[in-house]
C-alpha atoms as a PDB file:
ATOM      1  CA  MET A   1       7.607 -11.109  -2.337  1.00  0.00           C
ATOM      2  CA  ILE A   2       4.702 -12.986  -0.813  1.00  0.00           C
ATOM      3  CA  TRP A   3       1.067 -12.865  -1.887  1.00  0.00           C
ATOM      4  CA  PRO A   4      -1.223 -11.743  -0.355  1.00  0.00           C
ATOM      5  CA  PRO A   5       0.747  -8.596   0.455  1.00  0.00           C
ATOM      6  CA  VAL A   6       1.747  -7.507   3.933  1.00  0.00           C
ATOM      7  CA  LYS A   7      -0.150  -4.465   5.218  1.00  0.00           C
ATOM      8  CA  ALA A   8       2.635  -1.926   5.917  1.00  0.00           C
ATOM      9  CA  TRP A   9       4.295  -0.132   2.960  1.00  0.00           C
ATOM     10  CA  THR A  10       6.599   2.872   2.478  1.00  0.00           C
ATOM     11  CA  SER A  11       6.636   4.811  -0.775  1.00  0.00           C
ATOM     12  CA  LYS A  12      10.086   5.968  -1.870  1.00  0.00           C
ATOM     13  CA  ASN A  13       8.383   9.086  -3.253  1.00  0.00           C
ATOM     14  CA  ASN A  14       5.791  11.416  -1.797  1.00  0.00           C
ATOM     15  CA  ILE A  15       2.242  10.721  -2.899  1.00  0.00           C
ATOM     16  CA  GLU A  16       0.185  13.775  -2.054  1.00  0.00           C
ATOM     17  CA  GLY A  17       2.676  14.434   0.753  1.00  0.00           C
ATOM     18  CA  GLN A  18       2.407  10.923   2.209  1.00  0.00           C
ATOM     19  CA  VAL A  19       4.911   8.040   2.321  1.00  0.00           C
ATOM     20  CA  HIS A  20       3.503   5.471   4.806  1.00  0.00           C
ATOM     21  CA  PHE A  21       0.577   3.333   3.648  1.00  0.00           C
ATOM     22  CA  VAL A  22      -1.609   0.406   4.718  1.00  0.00           C
ATOM     23  CA  ALA A  23      -2.658  -2.224   2.190  1.00  0.00           C
ATOM     24  CA  ILE A  24      -6.408  -2.353   2.748  1.00  0.00           C
ATOM     25  CA  ASN A  25      -7.372  -4.538  -0.198  1.00  0.00           C
ATOM     26  CA  TYR A  26      -5.871  -6.526  -3.063  1.00  0.00           C
ATOM     27  CA  GLY A  27      -6.925  -8.675  -5.975  1.00  0.00           C
ATOM     28  CA  GLY A  28      -6.248  -9.838  -9.482  1.00  0.00           C
ATOM     29  CA  LYS A  29      -4.355 -12.825 -10.816  1.00  0.00           C
ATOM     30  CA  LEU A  30      -0.791 -13.253 -12.032  1.00  0.00           C
ATOM     31  CA  LEU A  31       0.325 -10.128 -13.946  1.00  0.00           C
ATOM     32  CA  GLU A  32      -2.967  -8.331 -13.241  1.00  0.00           C
ATOM     33  CA  ARG A  33      -2.521  -8.235  -9.433  1.00  0.00           C
ATOM     34  CA  TRP A  34      -3.162  -4.930  -7.668  1.00  0.00           C
ATOM     35  CA  VAL A  35      -3.148  -3.529  -4.129  1.00  0.00           C
ATOM     36  CA  VAL A  36      -5.232  -0.662  -2.707  1.00  0.00           C
ATOM     37  CA  LEU A  37      -3.153   1.429  -0.306  1.00  0.00           C
ATOM     38  CA  MET A  38      -4.421   4.060   2.140  1.00  0.00           C
ATOM     39  CA  SER A  39      -2.166   6.642   3.777  1.00  0.00           C
ATOM     40  CA  VAL A  40      -1.518   6.065   7.469  1.00  0.00           C
ATOM     41  CA  LEU A  41      -1.884   9.785   8.246  1.00  0.00           C
ATOM     42  CA  ASP A  42      -4.495  10.904   5.703  1.00  0.00           C
ATOM     43  CA  SER A  43      -7.270   8.445   4.851  1.00  0.00           C
ATOM     44  CA  ASN A  44      -8.242  10.632   1.888  1.00  0.00           C
ATOM     45  CA  VAL A  45      -5.073   9.516   0.093  1.00  0.00           C
ATOM     46  CA  VAL A  46      -5.961   6.135  -1.423  1.00  0.00           C
ATOM     47  CA  VAL A  47      -4.134   4.668  -4.418  1.00  0.00           C
ATOM     48  CA  LYS A  48      -4.484   1.456  -6.392  1.00  0.00           C
ATOM     49  CA  VAL A  49      -1.018   0.177  -7.292  1.00  0.00           C
ATOM     50  CA  PRO A  50      -0.235  -2.641  -9.720  1.00  0.00           C
ATOM     51  CA  TRP A  51       1.637  -5.447  -7.930  1.00  0.00           C
ATOM     52  CA  PHE A  52       4.639  -5.210 -10.267  1.00  0.00           C
ATOM     53  CA  GLN A  53       5.110  -1.558  -9.225  1.00  0.00           C
ATOM     54  CA  LEU A  54       4.675  -2.338  -5.535  1.00  0.00           C
ATOM     55  CA  VAL A  55       7.436  -4.956  -5.526  1.00  0.00           C
ATOM     56  CA  ASP A  56       9.788  -2.638  -7.434  1.00  0.00           C
ATOM     57  CA  LEU A  57      12.278  -1.603  -4.733  1.00  0.00           C
ATOM     58  CA  SER A  58      12.920   1.712  -6.478  1.00  0.00           C
ATOM     59  CA  ASN A  59       9.290   2.733  -5.774  1.00  0.00           C
ATOM     60  CA  TRP A  60       8.106   0.880  -2.657  1.00  0.00           C
ATOM     61  CA  GLU A  61       9.426  -0.925   0.417  1.00  0.00           C
ATOM     62  CA  ALA A  62       7.508  -3.412   2.536  1.00  0.00           C
ATOM     63  CA  GLY A  63       7.221  -2.093   6.104  1.00  0.00           C
ATOM     64  CA  TRP A  64       7.393   1.459   7.441  1.00  0.00           C
ATOM     65  CA  ASP A  65      10.865   2.899   6.957  1.00  0.00           C
ATOM     66  CA  GLU A  66      11.402   5.933   9.189  1.00  0.00           C
ATOM     67  CA  LYS A  67      14.870   6.660   7.787  1.00  0.00           C
ATOM     68  CA  ILE A  68      13.968   6.711   4.118  1.00  0.00           C
ATOM     69  CA  ASN A  69      15.457   9.584   2.138  1.00  0.00           C
ATOM     70  CA  ILE A  70      12.415  11.177   0.538  1.00  0.00           C
ATOM     71  CA  GLU A  71      13.158  13.392  -2.429  1.00  0.00           C
ATOM     72  CA  ALA A  72      10.658  15.672  -4.119  1.00  0.00           C
ATOM     73  CA  ALA A  73       7.865  13.574  -5.570  1.00  0.00           C
ATOM     74  CA  LYS A  74       9.323  11.774  -8.573  1.00  0.00           C
ATOM     75  CA  LEU A  75       6.616   9.155  -8.915  1.00  0.00           C
ATOM     76  CA  PHE A  76       3.752  11.659  -8.827  1.00  0.00           C
ATOM     77  CA  ASN A  77       4.475  15.307  -9.538  1.00  0.00           C
ATOM     78  CA  ASN A  78       0.948  16.440  -8.786  1.00  0.00           C
ATOM     79  CA  LYS A  79      -2.413  15.068  -7.762  1.00  0.00           C
ATOM     80  CA  SER A  80      -3.564  14.548 -11.347  1.00  0.00           C
ATOM     81  CA  ASP A  81      -0.669  12.079 -11.939  1.00  0.00           C
ATOM     82  CA  ALA A  82      -1.762   9.766  -9.115  1.00  0.00           C
ATOM     83  CA  ILE A  83      -4.422   7.169  -9.792  1.00  0.00           C
ATOM     84  CA  THR A  84      -6.567   7.660  -6.730  1.00  0.00           C
ATOM     85  CA  THR A  85      -9.672   5.713  -5.949  1.00  0.00           C
ATOM     86  CA  ASP A  86     -12.614   6.076  -3.615  1.00  0.00           C
ATOM     87  CA  PHE A  87     -12.639   2.284  -3.241  1.00  0.00           C
ATOM     88  CA  SER A  88     -11.842   1.850   0.436  1.00  0.00           C
ATOM     89  CA  HIS A  89     -13.551  -1.437   1.290  1.00  0.00           C
ATOM     90  CA  PRO A  90     -11.026  -3.469   3.274  1.00  0.00           C
ATOM     91  CA  SER A  91     -10.281  -7.072   2.391  1.00  0.00           C
ATOM     92  CA  ILE A  92     -11.624  -9.744   4.735  1.00  0.00           C
ATOM     93  CA  ASP A  93      -8.075 -10.541   5.960  1.00  0.00           C
ATOM     94  CA  SER A  94      -7.100  -6.892   6.571  1.00  0.00           C
ATOM     95  CA  GLY A  95      -7.939  -6.991  10.266  1.00  0.00           C
ATOM     96  CA  LEU A  96     -10.018  -3.860   9.704  1.00  0.00           C
ATOM     97  CA  THR A  97     -13.429  -5.543   9.421  1.00  0.00           C
ATOM     98  CA  ILE A  98     -15.937  -6.740  11.981  1.00  0.00           C
ATOM     99  CA  PRO A  99     -16.048  -9.538  13.009  1.00  0.00           C
ATOM    100  CA  ILE A 100     -12.318 -10.280  13.079  1.00  0.00           C
ATOM    101  CA  SER A 101     -10.795 -13.729  13.193  1.00  0.00           C
ATOM    102  CA  GLU A 102      -7.136 -13.704  14.287  1.00  0.00           C
ATOM    103  CA  ASN A 103      -6.444 -16.780  12.189  1.00  0.00           C
ATOM    104  CA  THR A 104      -7.146 -14.950   8.931  1.00  0.00           C
ATOM    105  CA  ILE A 105      -5.371 -11.605   9.411  1.00  0.00           C
ATOM    106  CA  ARG A 106      -2.509 -10.790   7.009  1.00  0.00           C
ATOM    107  CA  PRO A 107       0.776  -9.783   8.665  1.00  0.00           C
ATOM    108  CA  TRP A 108       1.817  -6.146   8.875  1.00  0.00           C
ATOM    109  CA  PHE A 109       5.445  -6.858   8.043  1.00  0.00           C
ATOM    110  CA  GLU A 110       7.449  -9.548   6.287  1.00  0.00           C
ATOM    111  CA  LYS A 111       9.010 -12.137   8.569  1.00  0.00           C
ATOM    112  CA  ILE A 112      12.786 -11.771   8.762  1.00  0.00           C
END
């Protein structure tokens, strides 16, 4: 998996009823890397996920998978289990800031 992370992610489990997320920020070094994800449909659902969990294919998939078989939330059984954050400042290469430079925007999806 490449670093910095692509922007589009699908959770294999519901997180507060959401499965499609945008990586709005990231940081850390080596084993301490993390990614802040915001739900595509509900911007109130923001989670900070350690990189090692994000690249675990049993929890997350890069891109937006419309055919994913979502079971009842295994990863987070209720809101208190999720580590949510009110940190929603996008990274400079997110493409969500002004001004935007096309040369520095992270890709949405991995290149095939």
